Amino acid sequence: MELAILWVWSGIKERAKPGRKSVQEQQPAAQLANMSTTNMNRGKIVFYEDRNFQGRSYECSSDCSDMSSYLSRCHSCRVESGCWMLYNHNNYMGNQYFMRRGEYPDYMQHFGMSDCIKSCRMIAMHRGNYRMRIYERENFGGQMHEMMNDCDNIMDHYRMSKCQSCNVMEGHWLMYEQPHFRGRMMYMRPGEYSNFSMGMGMGAMGGMSGMRFMSMRRIMDSWY
């Protein structure tokens, strides 16, 4: 004769058969999964005034538009979790630099930079599909190709001489000025970018006028 255990939860009775988890037993697992996802979307980066993690430090766990409020200069950093974009001007402007978990005792030499970091932005983890349309000319003109994977050279793959606008539909991407993921880069999150000089608030300050890209890479969840 089959035994049945009677559970009472919020005034609702549920009969749990042997081998089947009750509502209370299922709930902790769901909570743990949600907590795990939340923790993965959190990031932490520590900036130091001097090389080799010396001098005053500033710990950051969210976007910061002006680091000068905390440090007069920055020459090294540790990325303890998450992925980050760093900028050499305030308000997420200027040249961009991508960093993931690791130590950077002299990031200026590592990236060939001449200016200290002035602002930073945390990149939220994306799990799911990646999809982006790239266009040969500004304002979504010229040839168009839809991408779902990395591309190390749009000339070789699509016979496109340049990419000057795009529409990011799913996922987070890095765009590179040169083939094979080299040269100056730009972080792209979902949205329409009719041109790259103003699309991310660059303007003349960033020296990105007429910017064009030749390779693209997805920011994968395995990088976190």
N, C-alpha and C. Protein backbone atom coordinates (compact mmCIF):
# COMPACT_ATOMS: atom_id res chain seq x y z
N MET A 1 0.85 -1.19 0.00
CA MET A 1 0.00 0.00 0.00
C MET A 1 0.89 1.24 0.00
N GLU A 2 0.64 2.17 -0.94
CA GLU A 2 1.48 3.35 -1.11
C GLU A 2 1.20 4.36 -0.01
N LEU A 3 2.29 4.80 0.65
CA LEU A 3 2.15 5.81 1.70
C LEU A 3 2.14 7.19 1.09
N ALA A 4 1.39 8.09 1.67
CA ALA A 4 1.36 9.48 1.21
C ALA A 4 1.58 10.39 2.39
N ILE A 5 2.47 11.36 2.22
CA ILE A 5 2.79 12.31 3.29
C ILE A 5 2.01 13.58 3.01
N LEU A 6 1.35 14.13 4.00
CA LEU A 6 0.53 15.33 3.83
C LEU A 6 1.32 16.54 4.27
N TRP A 7 1.54 17.49 3.31
CA TRP A 7 2.23 18.75 3.60
C TRP A 7 1.20 19.87 3.59
N VAL A 8 1.37 20.81 4.50
CA VAL A 8 0.50 21.99 4.55
C VAL A 8 1.39 23.21 4.38
N TRP A 9 1.13 23.99 3.33
CA TRP A 9 1.96 25.17 3.02
C TRP A 9 1.06 26.30 2.59
N SER A 10 1.05 27.39 3.37
CA SER A 10 0.22 28.57 3.09
C SER A 10 -1.24 28.18 2.92
N GLY A 11 -1.69 27.24 3.72
CA GLY A 11 -3.09 26.87 3.66
C GLY A 11 -3.43 25.95 2.51
N ILE A 12 -2.45 25.53 1.70
CA ILE A 12 -2.70 24.65 0.55
C ILE A 12 -2.14 23.27 0.87
N LYS A 13 -2.94 22.24 0.73
CA LYS A 13 -2.51 20.88 1.00
C LYS A 13 -1.95 20.23 -0.27
N GLU A 14 -0.82 19.56 -0.10
CA GLU A 14 -0.21 18.88 -1.23
C GLU A 14 0.18 17.47 -0.79
N ARG A 15 -0.22 16.48 -1.56
CA ARG A 15 0.17 15.11 -1.26
C ARG A 15 1.44 14.78 -2.04
N ALA A 16 2.51 14.49 -1.29
CA ALA A 16 3.80 14.17 -1.92
C ALA A 16 4.00 12.68 -1.95
N LYS A 17 4.10 12.13 -3.15
CA LYS A 17 4.33 10.70 -3.30
C LYS A 17 5.79 10.40 -3.06
N PRO A 18 6.09 9.19 -2.67
CA PRO A 18 7.50 8.81 -2.46
C PRO A 18 8.32 9.07 -3.71
N GLY A 19 9.51 9.67 -3.53
CA GLY A 19 10.39 9.97 -4.65
C GLY A 19 10.13 11.33 -5.28
N ARG A 20 9.06 12.03 -4.86
CA ARG A 20 8.75 13.34 -5.42
C ARG A 20 8.98 14.41 -4.36
N LYS A 21 9.68 15.47 -4.69
CA LYS A 21 10.00 16.52 -3.74
C LYS A 21 8.79 17.41 -3.51
N SER A 22 8.62 17.82 -2.27
CA SER A 22 7.53 18.74 -1.94
C SER A 22 7.91 20.16 -2.33
N VAL A 23 6.96 21.10 -2.18
CA VAL A 23 7.22 22.51 -2.48
C VAL A 23 8.35 23.04 -1.63
N GLN A 24 8.34 22.68 -0.31
CA GLN A 24 9.39 23.18 0.58
C GLN A 24 10.76 22.67 0.19
N GLU A 25 10.84 21.42 -0.28
CA GLU A 25 12.13 20.84 -0.66
C GLU A 25 12.66 21.45 -1.94
N GLN A 26 11.75 21.83 -2.84
CA GLN A 26 12.17 22.41 -4.12
C GLN A 26 12.62 23.86 -3.95
N GLN A 27 12.04 24.57 -3.01
CA GLN A 27 12.26 26.00 -2.89
C GLN A 27 13.72 26.37 -2.61
N PRO A 28 14.41 25.70 -1.65
CA PRO A 28 15.80 26.07 -1.41
C PRO A 28 16.69 25.98 -2.65
N ALA A 29 16.48 24.96 -3.49
CA ALA A 29 17.29 24.80 -4.71
C ALA A 29 17.10 25.98 -5.64
N ALA A 30 15.84 26.43 -5.78
CA ALA A 30 15.56 27.58 -6.65
C ALA A 30 16.20 28.83 -6.09
N GLN A 31 16.15 29.00 -4.76
CA GLN A 31 16.75 30.17 -4.15
C GLN A 31 18.26 30.18 -4.35
N LEU A 32 18.88 28.99 -4.21
CA LEU A 32 20.33 28.90 -4.42
C LEU A 32 20.70 29.24 -5.85
N ALA A 33 19.90 28.80 -6.82
CA ALA A 33 20.18 29.10 -8.23
C ALA A 33 20.10 30.60 -8.47
N ASN A 34 19.07 31.25 -7.89
CA ASN A 34 18.94 32.69 -8.06
C ASN A 34 20.10 33.43 -7.42
N MET A 35 20.53 32.97 -6.22
CA MET A 35 21.65 33.60 -5.55
C MET A 35 22.92 33.45 -6.36
N SER A 36 23.11 32.27 -6.98
CA SER A 36 24.30 32.03 -7.80
C SER A 36 24.35 32.97 -8.98
N THR A 37 23.21 33.16 -9.67
CA THR A 37 23.15 34.07 -10.81
C THR A 37 23.43 35.49 -10.39
N THR A 38 22.86 35.90 -9.24
CA THR A 38 23.07 37.26 -8.74
C THR A 38 24.53 37.51 -8.44
N ASN A 39 25.19 36.52 -7.78
CA ASN A 39 26.60 36.68 -7.44
C ASN A 39 27.47 36.79 -8.68
N MET A 40 27.11 36.05 -9.74
CA MET A 40 27.90 36.10 -10.97
C MET A 40 27.78 37.44 -11.66
N ASN A 41 26.68 38.15 -11.41
CA ASN A 41 26.50 39.46 -12.02
C ASN A 41 27.14 40.57 -11.21
N ARG A 42 27.76 40.20 -10.09
CA ARG A 42 28.48 41.18 -9.30
C ARG A 42 29.95 41.15 -9.69
N GLY A 43 30.57 42.31 -9.65
CA GLY A 43 31.98 42.39 -9.97
C GLY A 43 32.73 43.15 -8.91
N LYS A 44 34.05 42.99 -8.90
CA LYS A 44 34.88 43.72 -7.95
C LYS A 44 36.23 43.98 -8.58
N ILE A 45 36.64 45.22 -8.56
CA ILE A 45 37.95 45.61 -9.08
C ILE A 45 38.58 46.58 -8.09
N VAL A 46 39.88 46.42 -7.87
CA VAL A 46 40.60 47.29 -6.93
C VAL A 46 41.68 48.05 -7.70
N PHE A 47 41.63 49.37 -7.63
CA PHE A 47 42.61 50.23 -8.29
C PHE A 47 43.64 50.73 -7.29
N TYR A 48 44.89 50.87 -7.75
CA TYR A 48 45.98 51.35 -6.90
C TYR A 48 46.66 52.55 -7.55
N GLU A 49 47.10 53.46 -6.72
CA GLU A 49 47.75 54.67 -7.24
C GLU A 49 49.04 54.36 -7.98
N ASP A 50 49.83 53.43 -7.45
CA ASP A 50 51.15 53.16 -8.01
C ASP A 50 51.24 51.76 -8.61
N ARG A 51 52.30 51.51 -9.32
CA ARG A 51 52.53 50.21 -9.91
C ARG A 51 52.71 49.15 -8.83
N ASN A 52 52.49 47.90 -9.22
CA ASN A 52 52.67 46.76 -8.33
C ASN A 52 51.80 46.85 -7.08
N PHE A 53 50.62 47.41 -7.23
CA PHE A 53 49.60 47.43 -6.18
C PHE A 53 50.06 48.19 -4.94
N GLN A 54 50.75 49.28 -5.17
CA GLN A 54 51.24 50.11 -4.08
C GLN A 54 50.43 51.41 -4.01
N GLY A 55 50.57 52.09 -2.88
CA GLY A 55 49.91 53.37 -2.69
C GLY A 55 48.45 53.21 -2.27
N ARG A 56 47.73 54.30 -2.28
CA ARG A 56 46.32 54.26 -1.90
C ARG A 56 45.53 53.40 -2.89
N SER A 57 44.43 52.82 -2.41
CA SER A 57 43.62 51.96 -3.27
C SER A 57 42.16 52.38 -3.23
N TYR A 58 41.44 51.97 -4.26
CA TYR A 58 40.00 52.23 -4.33
C TYR A 58 39.32 50.96 -4.82
N GLU A 59 38.41 50.43 -4.01
CA GLU A 59 37.68 49.21 -4.36
C GLU A 59 36.34 49.58 -5.00
N CYS A 60 36.06 49.00 -6.14
CA CYS A 60 34.88 49.37 -6.91
C CYS A 60 34.07 48.11 -7.24
N SER A 61 32.74 48.19 -7.06
CA SER A 61 31.88 47.07 -7.38
C SER A 61 30.72 47.48 -8.29
N SER A 62 30.81 48.67 -8.88
CA SER A 62 29.78 49.15 -9.81
C SER A 62 30.41 50.20 -10.71
N ASP A 63 29.63 50.76 -11.62
CA ASP A 63 30.14 51.78 -12.53
C ASP A 63 30.66 52.99 -11.74
N CYS A 64 31.72 53.60 -12.26
CA CYS A 64 32.26 54.81 -11.65
C CYS A 64 32.61 55.78 -12.78
N SER A 65 31.94 56.92 -12.82
CA SER A 65 32.12 57.87 -13.92
C SER A 65 33.29 58.81 -13.72
N ASP A 66 33.80 58.91 -12.49
CA ASP A 66 34.91 59.84 -12.22
C ASP A 66 35.73 59.31 -11.05
N MET A 67 36.84 58.65 -11.36
CA MET A 67 37.66 58.06 -10.32
C MET A 67 38.55 59.07 -9.61
N SER A 68 38.66 60.28 -10.16
CA SER A 68 39.51 61.30 -9.54
C SER A 68 39.01 61.69 -8.16
N SER A 69 37.74 61.37 -7.87
CA SER A 69 37.20 61.65 -6.54
C SER A 69 37.83 60.73 -5.48
N TYR A 70 38.42 59.61 -5.93
CA TYR A 70 38.96 58.62 -5.00
C TYR A 70 40.48 58.49 -5.10
N LEU A 71 41.03 58.63 -6.30
CA LEU A 71 42.46 58.50 -6.51
C LEU A 71 42.95 59.61 -7.44
N SER A 72 44.11 60.16 -7.14
CA SER A 72 44.67 61.21 -8.00
C SER A 72 45.31 60.62 -9.25
N ARG A 73 45.66 59.33 -9.19
CA ARG A 73 46.24 58.63 -10.33
C ARG A 73 45.98 57.14 -10.13
N CYS A 74 46.22 56.36 -11.18
CA CYS A 74 46.00 54.91 -11.09
C CYS A 74 46.97 54.22 -12.04
N HIS A 75 47.81 53.31 -11.48
CA HIS A 75 48.82 52.64 -12.30
C HIS A 75 48.76 51.12 -12.25
N SER A 76 47.94 50.56 -11.37
CA SER A 76 47.80 49.11 -11.32
C SER A 76 46.41 48.76 -10.79
N CYS A 77 45.98 47.52 -11.05
CA CYS A 77 44.67 47.10 -10.56
C CYS A 77 44.59 45.59 -10.48
N ARG A 78 43.64 45.13 -9.66
CA ARG A 78 43.30 43.71 -9.55
C ARG A 78 41.82 43.54 -9.85
N VAL A 79 41.51 42.67 -10.81
CA VAL A 79 40.12 42.33 -11.08
C VAL A 79 39.83 41.04 -10.32
N GLU A 80 39.06 41.16 -9.24
CA GLU A 80 38.78 40.00 -8.40
C GLU A 80 37.58 39.20 -8.91
N SER A 81 36.66 39.87 -9.58
CA SER A 81 35.53 39.15 -10.18
C SER A 81 34.87 40.02 -11.24
N GLY A 82 34.21 39.37 -12.18
CA GLY A 82 33.50 40.10 -13.23
C GLY A 82 34.38 40.52 -14.39
N CYS A 83 33.75 41.18 -15.35
CA CYS A 83 34.45 41.76 -16.50
C CYS A 83 34.18 43.27 -16.50
N TRP A 84 35.17 44.03 -16.93
CA TRP A 84 35.11 45.49 -16.81
C TRP A 84 35.62 46.16 -18.08
N MET A 85 35.06 47.35 -18.36
CA MET A 85 35.63 48.25 -19.36
C MET A 85 36.21 49.45 -18.62
N LEU A 86 37.44 49.81 -18.97
CA LEU A 86 38.10 50.95 -18.37
C LEU A 86 38.29 52.03 -19.44
N TYR A 87 38.20 53.30 -19.04
CA TYR A 87 38.25 54.43 -19.97
C TYR A 87 39.29 55.45 -19.51
N ASN A 88 39.96 56.09 -20.46
CA ASN A 88 40.99 57.05 -20.08
C ASN A 88 40.47 58.49 -19.98
N HIS A 89 39.12 58.65 -19.99
CA HIS A 89 38.49 59.93 -19.71
C HIS A 89 37.30 59.70 -18.78
N ASN A 90 36.87 60.76 -18.15
CA ASN A 90 35.69 60.67 -17.30
C ASN A 90 34.44 60.35 -18.12
N ASN A 91 33.41 59.90 -17.41
CA ASN A 91 32.09 59.67 -18.03
C ASN A 91 32.13 58.66 -19.16
N TYR A 92 33.01 57.64 -19.03
CA TYR A 92 33.06 56.51 -19.97
C TYR A 92 33.38 56.98 -21.39
N MET A 93 34.30 57.91 -21.48
CA MET A 93 34.71 58.45 -22.77
C MET A 93 36.17 58.14 -23.03
N GLY A 94 36.56 58.28 -24.29
CA GLY A 94 37.95 58.06 -24.68
C GLY A 94 38.22 56.63 -25.07
N ASN A 95 39.48 56.25 -25.07
CA ASN A 95 39.87 54.89 -25.42
C ASN A 95 39.38 53.91 -24.36
N GLN A 96 39.03 52.71 -24.81
CA GLN A 96 38.45 51.71 -23.92
C GLN A 96 39.38 50.51 -23.80
N TYR A 97 39.36 49.89 -22.61
CA TYR A 97 40.22 48.75 -22.33
C TYR A 97 39.41 47.69 -21.57
N PHE A 98 39.45 46.47 -22.08
CA PHE A 98 38.69 45.38 -21.47
C PHE A 98 39.56 44.61 -20.49
N MET A 99 39.00 44.35 -19.30
CA MET A 99 39.74 43.58 -18.29
C MET A 99 38.83 42.53 -17.68
N ARG A 100 39.39 41.34 -17.50
CA ARG A 100 38.69 40.29 -16.78
C ARG A 100 39.56 39.83 -15.62
N ARG A 101 39.10 38.81 -14.90
CA ARG A 101 39.76 38.40 -13.66
C ARG A 101 41.28 38.24 -13.84
N GLY A 102 42.03 38.87 -12.97
CA GLY A 102 43.48 38.78 -13.05
C GLY A 102 44.15 39.98 -12.38
N GLU A 103 45.48 39.95 -12.38
CA GLU A 103 46.27 41.03 -11.79
C GLU A 103 47.00 41.81 -12.87
N TYR A 104 46.99 43.12 -12.74
CA TYR A 104 47.62 44.01 -13.72
C TYR A 104 48.56 44.96 -12.96
N PRO A 105 49.79 44.53 -12.69
CA PRO A 105 50.71 45.34 -11.88
C PRO A 105 51.17 46.63 -12.56
N ASP A 106 51.08 46.67 -13.88
CA ASP A 106 51.41 47.89 -14.64
C ASP A 106 50.58 47.87 -15.91
N TYR A 107 49.29 48.17 -15.77
CA TYR A 107 48.38 48.01 -16.91
C TYR A 107 48.68 49.01 -18.02
N MET A 108 49.29 50.16 -17.69
CA MET A 108 49.60 51.15 -18.73
C MET A 108 50.61 50.58 -19.71
N GLN A 109 51.62 49.88 -19.20
CA GLN A 109 52.59 49.24 -20.09
C GLN A 109 51.95 48.05 -20.80
N HIS A 110 51.11 47.31 -20.07
CA HIS A 110 50.45 46.13 -20.63
C HIS A 110 49.62 46.48 -21.87
N PHE A 111 48.89 47.60 -21.79
CA PHE A 111 48.02 48.00 -22.89
C PHE A 111 48.64 49.08 -23.78
N GLY A 112 49.86 49.52 -23.47
CA GLY A 112 50.49 50.58 -24.24
C GLY A 112 49.78 51.91 -24.07
N MET A 113 49.31 52.18 -22.86
CA MET A 113 48.55 53.40 -22.59
C MET A 113 49.46 54.54 -22.20
N SER A 114 49.02 55.75 -22.51
CA SER A 114 49.75 56.95 -22.12
C SER A 114 49.03 57.73 -21.03
N ASP A 115 47.75 57.40 -20.79
CA ASP A 115 46.95 58.09 -19.78
C ASP A 115 46.43 57.11 -18.75
N CYS A 116 46.23 57.60 -17.53
CA CYS A 116 45.66 56.77 -16.47
C CYS A 116 44.16 56.57 -16.70
N ILE A 117 43.62 55.54 -16.07
CA ILE A 117 42.19 55.27 -16.13
C ILE A 117 41.44 56.34 -15.33
N LYS A 118 40.35 56.85 -15.91
CA LYS A 118 39.56 57.89 -15.25
C LYS A 118 38.13 57.45 -14.92
N SER A 119 37.63 56.38 -15.58
CA SER A 119 36.29 55.88 -15.28
C SER A 119 36.23 54.40 -15.64
N CYS A 120 35.24 53.70 -15.08
CA CYS A 120 35.13 52.26 -15.35
C CYS A 120 33.66 51.85 -15.35
N ARG A 121 33.39 50.76 -16.04
CA ARG A 121 32.02 50.25 -16.16
C ARG A 121 32.04 48.73 -16.02
N MET A 122 31.16 48.20 -15.17
CA MET A 122 31.06 46.75 -15.01
C MET A 122 30.17 46.18 -16.12
N ILE A 123 30.57 45.05 -16.67
CA ILE A 123 29.80 44.40 -17.73
C ILE A 123 29.01 43.25 -17.13
N ALA A 124 27.69 43.34 -17.20
CA ALA A 124 26.84 42.28 -16.65
C ALA A 124 27.00 41.00 -17.47
N MET A 125 26.94 39.87 -16.79
CA MET A 125 27.05 38.59 -17.49
C MET A 125 25.81 38.35 -18.35
N HIS A 126 26.05 37.85 -19.55
CA HIS A 126 24.96 37.47 -20.45
C HIS A 126 25.01 35.97 -20.70
N ARG A 127 23.86 35.32 -20.52
CA ARG A 127 23.74 33.90 -20.85
C ARG A 127 22.61 33.75 -21.85
N GLY A 128 22.92 33.17 -22.97
CA GLY A 128 21.91 33.02 -24.00
C GLY A 128 22.51 33.22 -25.37
N ASN A 129 21.68 33.63 -26.32
CA ASN A 129 22.12 33.81 -27.70
C ASN A 129 22.86 35.13 -27.88
N TYR A 130 23.65 35.18 -28.95
CA TYR A 130 24.33 36.40 -29.36
C TYR A 130 23.91 36.70 -30.80
N ARG A 131 23.55 37.97 -31.03
CA ARG A 131 23.12 38.32 -32.38
C ARG A 131 23.39 39.81 -32.62
N MET A 132 24.01 40.10 -33.75
CA MET A 132 24.34 41.47 -34.10
C MET A 132 24.36 41.64 -35.62
N ARG A 133 23.85 42.75 -36.09
CA ARG A 133 23.93 43.10 -37.51
C ARG A 133 24.97 44.19 -37.69
N ILE A 134 25.90 43.97 -38.59
CA ILE A 134 26.95 44.95 -38.87
C ILE A 134 26.71 45.56 -40.25
N TYR A 135 27.01 46.84 -40.37
CA TYR A 135 26.78 47.57 -41.61
C TYR A 135 28.08 48.22 -42.08
N GLU A 136 28.23 48.26 -43.38
CA GLU A 136 29.46 48.77 -43.99
C GLU A 136 29.65 50.26 -43.76
N ARG A 137 28.54 51.01 -43.76
CA ARG A 137 28.65 52.46 -43.63
C ARG A 137 27.85 52.97 -42.43
N GLU A 138 28.08 54.23 -42.10
CA GLU A 138 27.33 54.85 -41.00
C GLU A 138 25.84 54.90 -41.32
N ASN A 139 25.03 55.04 -40.27
CA ASN A 139 23.56 55.12 -40.42
C ASN A 139 22.98 53.88 -41.09
N PHE A 140 23.59 52.72 -40.83
CA PHE A 140 23.08 51.43 -41.28
C PHE A 140 23.01 51.34 -42.81
N GLY A 141 24.02 51.89 -43.46
CA GLY A 141 24.08 51.86 -44.92
C GLY A 141 25.07 50.83 -45.45
N GLY A 142 24.99 50.56 -46.74
CA GLY A 142 25.90 49.62 -47.38
C GLY A 142 25.56 48.18 -47.08
N GLN A 143 26.55 47.31 -47.24
CA GLN A 143 26.34 45.89 -46.98
C GLN A 143 25.91 45.65 -45.53
N MET A 144 25.12 44.59 -45.33
CA MET A 144 24.71 44.21 -43.98
C MET A 144 24.90 42.71 -43.81
N HIS A 145 25.42 42.31 -42.67
CA HIS A 145 25.55 40.89 -42.34
C HIS A 145 25.15 40.68 -40.90
N GLU A 146 24.46 39.56 -40.65
CA GLU A 146 24.05 39.23 -39.29
C GLU A 146 25.01 38.20 -38.72
N MET A 147 25.48 38.48 -37.50
CA MET A 147 26.47 37.63 -36.86
C MET A 147 25.92 37.01 -35.59
N MET A 148 26.36 35.78 -35.31
CA MET A 148 26.01 35.12 -34.06
C MET A 148 27.25 34.55 -33.37
N ASN A 149 28.40 34.70 -34.03
CA ASN A 149 29.65 34.17 -33.49
C ASN A 149 30.77 35.19 -33.69
N ASP A 150 31.93 34.91 -33.11
CA ASP A 150 33.09 35.78 -33.28
C ASP A 150 33.48 35.84 -34.76
N CYS A 151 34.09 36.95 -35.13
CA CYS A 151 34.62 37.10 -36.49
C CYS A 151 35.97 37.80 -36.40
N ASP A 152 37.03 37.12 -36.82
CA ASP A 152 38.37 37.70 -36.69
C ASP A 152 38.76 38.60 -37.85
N ASN A 153 37.96 38.59 -38.93
CA ASN A 153 38.27 39.46 -40.07
C ASN A 153 37.05 39.55 -40.98
N ILE A 154 36.36 40.69 -40.98
CA ILE A 154 35.13 40.80 -41.77
C ILE A 154 35.44 40.84 -43.27
N MET A 155 36.65 41.22 -43.65
CA MET A 155 37.01 41.20 -45.06
C MET A 155 37.07 39.76 -45.56
N ASP A 156 37.70 38.89 -44.78
CA ASP A 156 37.83 37.50 -45.18
C ASP A 156 36.48 36.77 -45.15
N HIS A 157 35.67 37.06 -44.14
CA HIS A 157 34.43 36.30 -43.96
C HIS A 157 33.26 36.86 -44.77
N TYR A 158 33.18 38.19 -44.88
CA TYR A 158 32.01 38.80 -45.50
C TYR A 158 32.33 39.70 -46.69
N ARG A 159 33.61 39.83 -47.03
CA ARG A 159 34.03 40.75 -48.11
C ARG A 159 33.59 42.19 -47.82
N MET A 160 33.63 42.55 -46.56
CA MET A 160 33.34 43.93 -46.15
C MET A 160 34.65 44.63 -45.83
N SER A 161 34.84 45.80 -46.38
CA SER A 161 36.09 46.53 -46.17
C SER A 161 36.12 47.25 -44.82
N LYS A 162 34.94 47.42 -44.19
CA LYS A 162 34.87 48.12 -42.92
C LYS A 162 33.48 47.95 -42.33
N CYS A 163 33.37 48.25 -41.06
CA CYS A 163 32.07 48.27 -40.36
C CYS A 163 31.99 49.61 -39.64
N GLN A 164 30.97 50.42 -39.99
CA GLN A 164 30.85 51.75 -39.40
C GLN A 164 29.54 51.98 -38.64
N SER A 165 28.69 50.97 -38.56
CA SER A 165 27.49 51.04 -37.72
C SER A 165 27.02 49.63 -37.45
N CYS A 166 26.20 49.47 -36.41
CA CYS A 166 25.73 48.13 -36.07
C CYS A 166 24.47 48.20 -35.22
N ASN A 167 23.80 47.06 -35.14
CA ASN A 167 22.62 46.89 -34.30
C ASN A 167 22.84 45.63 -33.46
N VAL A 168 23.11 45.83 -32.18
CA VAL A 168 23.32 44.69 -31.28
C VAL A 168 21.96 44.28 -30.72
N MET A 169 21.53 43.08 -31.07
CA MET A 169 20.22 42.60 -30.65
C MET A 169 20.29 41.71 -29.42
N GLU A 170 21.36 40.92 -29.30
CA GLU A 170 21.49 40.03 -28.15
C GLU A 170 22.96 39.91 -27.75
N GLY A 171 23.21 39.93 -26.46
CA GLY A 171 24.55 39.71 -25.95
C GLY A 171 25.39 40.97 -25.86
N HIS A 172 26.59 40.79 -25.31
CA HIS A 172 27.57 41.88 -25.17
C HIS A 172 28.78 41.53 -26.04
N TRP A 173 29.32 42.54 -26.73
CA TRP A 173 30.36 42.31 -27.72
C TRP A 173 31.52 43.29 -27.54
N LEU A 174 32.69 42.88 -28.06
CA LEU A 174 33.83 43.77 -28.20
C LEU A 174 34.13 43.91 -29.68
N MET A 175 34.27 45.17 -30.13
CA MET A 175 34.60 45.45 -31.53
C MET A 175 36.04 45.97 -31.57
N TYR A 176 36.80 45.51 -32.57
CA TYR A 176 38.22 45.86 -32.67
C TYR A 176 38.49 46.59 -33.99
N GLU A 177 39.41 47.54 -33.89
CA GLU A 177 39.76 48.37 -35.04
C GLU A 177 40.47 47.58 -36.14
N GLN A 178 41.22 46.55 -35.76
CA GLN A 178 42.00 45.78 -36.72
C GLN A 178 41.56 44.32 -36.72
N PRO A 179 41.90 43.58 -37.78
CA PRO A 179 41.59 42.14 -37.79
C PRO A 179 42.28 41.41 -36.65
N HIS A 180 41.75 40.21 -36.33
CA HIS A 180 42.33 39.33 -35.32
C HIS A 180 42.32 39.95 -33.93
N PHE A 181 41.29 40.76 -33.65
CA PHE A 181 41.04 41.30 -32.32
C PHE A 181 42.21 42.15 -31.81
N ARG A 182 42.66 43.05 -32.67
CA ARG A 182 43.76 43.94 -32.32
C ARG A 182 43.35 45.39 -32.50
N GLY A 183 44.17 46.26 -31.91
CA GLY A 183 43.92 47.70 -32.04
C GLY A 183 42.91 48.21 -31.02
N ARG A 184 42.48 49.45 -31.23
CA ARG A 184 41.52 50.04 -30.31
C ARG A 184 40.22 49.25 -30.32
N MET A 185 39.54 49.25 -29.19
CA MET A 185 38.32 48.44 -29.06
C MET A 185 37.17 49.28 -28.55
N MET A 186 35.97 48.74 -28.67
CA MET A 186 34.78 49.38 -28.14
C MET A 186 33.82 48.31 -27.62
N TYR A 187 33.27 48.57 -26.45
CA TYR A 187 32.28 47.68 -25.84
C TYR A 187 30.89 48.01 -26.37
N MET A 188 30.17 46.97 -26.81
CA MET A 188 28.82 47.14 -27.36
C MET A 188 27.82 46.31 -26.57
N ARG A 189 26.80 46.96 -26.04
CA ARG A 189 25.69 46.24 -25.41
C ARG A 189 24.47 46.42 -26.30
N PRO A 190 23.37 45.72 -26.04
CA PRO A 190 22.21 45.80 -26.94
C PRO A 190 21.76 47.23 -27.20
N GLY A 191 21.59 47.53 -28.49
CA GLY A 191 21.19 48.87 -28.91
C GLY A 191 21.60 49.11 -30.35
N GLU A 192 21.19 50.26 -30.89
CA GLU A 192 21.53 50.65 -32.26
C GLU A 192 22.63 51.71 -32.21
N TYR A 193 23.65 51.52 -33.04
CA TYR A 193 24.78 52.44 -33.10
C TYR A 193 24.93 52.91 -34.55
N SER A 194 24.38 54.08 -34.84
CA SER A 194 24.41 54.59 -36.20
C SER A 194 25.80 55.04 -36.63
N ASN A 195 26.64 55.40 -35.67
CA ASN A 195 28.06 55.65 -35.94
C ASN A 195 28.81 55.41 -34.64
N PHE A 196 30.10 55.17 -34.74
CA PHE A 196 30.86 54.79 -33.56
C PHE A 196 31.55 55.96 -32.88
N SER A 197 31.60 57.12 -33.52
CA SER A 197 32.23 58.27 -32.89
C SER A 197 31.36 58.86 -31.80
N MET A 198 30.02 58.79 -31.98
CA MET A 198 29.11 59.35 -31.00
C MET A 198 28.25 58.29 -30.31
N GLY A 199 28.25 57.08 -30.84
CA GLY A 199 27.36 56.06 -30.32
C GLY A 199 27.58 55.71 -28.87
N MET A 200 28.83 55.86 -28.37
CA MET A 200 29.11 55.55 -26.97
C MET A 200 29.56 56.80 -26.22
N GLY A 201 29.15 57.99 -26.72
CA GLY A 201 29.53 59.22 -26.05
C GLY A 201 30.99 59.56 -26.22
N MET A 202 31.58 59.12 -27.33
CA MET A 202 33.00 59.37 -27.55
C MET A 202 33.25 60.83 -27.94
N GLY A 203 32.71 61.20 -29.09
CA GLY A 203 32.93 62.55 -29.57
C GLY A 203 34.39 62.79 -29.91
N ALA A 204 34.75 64.03 -30.07
CA ALA A 204 36.12 64.37 -30.45
C ALA A 204 37.10 64.05 -29.33
N MET A 205 36.64 64.08 -28.08
CA MET A 205 37.53 63.84 -26.96
C MET A 205 38.20 62.48 -27.07
N GLY A 206 37.47 61.50 -27.51
CA GLY A 206 38.04 60.17 -27.60
C GLY A 206 38.86 59.94 -28.85
N GLY A 207 38.87 60.88 -29.76
CA GLY A 207 39.60 60.71 -31.00
C GLY A 207 39.07 59.58 -31.84
N MET A 208 37.75 59.33 -31.77
CA MET A 208 37.16 58.17 -32.44
C MET A 208 36.38 58.57 -33.68
N SER A 209 36.56 59.78 -34.17
CA SER A 209 35.82 60.24 -35.33
C SER A 209 36.11 59.34 -36.53
N GLY A 210 35.05 58.90 -37.22
CA GLY A 210 35.23 58.04 -38.38
C GLY A 210 35.70 56.65 -38.02
N MET A 211 35.48 56.24 -36.78
CA MET A 211 35.94 54.93 -36.32
C MET A 211 35.28 53.81 -37.12
N ARG A 212 36.05 52.79 -37.44
CA ARG A 212 35.55 51.61 -38.15
C ARG A 212 36.19 50.37 -37.53
N PHE A 213 35.49 49.24 -37.63
CA PHE A 213 35.96 48.02 -37.00
C PHE A 213 36.09 46.90 -38.01
N MET A 214 37.05 46.00 -37.72
CA MET A 214 37.35 44.91 -38.64
C MET A 214 37.20 43.52 -38.02
N SER A 215 37.04 43.44 -36.69
CA SER A 215 36.83 42.14 -36.04
C SER A 215 35.95 42.33 -34.81
N MET A 216 35.21 41.29 -34.43
CA MET A 216 34.24 41.34 -33.34
C MET A 216 34.32 40.06 -32.52
N ARG A 217 34.14 40.20 -31.22
CA ARG A 217 34.21 39.05 -30.32
C ARG A 217 33.12 39.14 -29.25
N ARG A 218 32.49 37.99 -28.93
CA ARG A 218 31.47 37.96 -27.88
C ARG A 218 32.13 37.95 -26.50
N ILE A 219 31.51 38.62 -25.53
CA ILE A 219 31.95 38.55 -24.14
C ILE A 219 31.23 37.37 -23.51
N MET A 220 31.94 36.26 -23.33
CA MET A 220 31.32 35.00 -22.94
C MET A 220 31.17 34.88 -21.42
N ASP A 221 30.18 34.10 -20.99
CA ASP A 221 29.98 33.92 -19.55
C ASP A 221 31.13 33.12 -18.93
N SER A 222 31.87 32.37 -19.74
CA SER A 222 33.01 31.60 -19.23
C SER A 222 34.17 32.50 -18.83
N TRP A 223 34.13 33.77 -19.22
CA TRP A 223 35.19 34.71 -18.86
C TRP A 223 35.04 35.23 -17.43
N TYR A 224 33.90 34.96 -16.81
CA TYR A 224 33.61 35.53 -15.48
C TYR A 224 34.13 34.64 -14.37
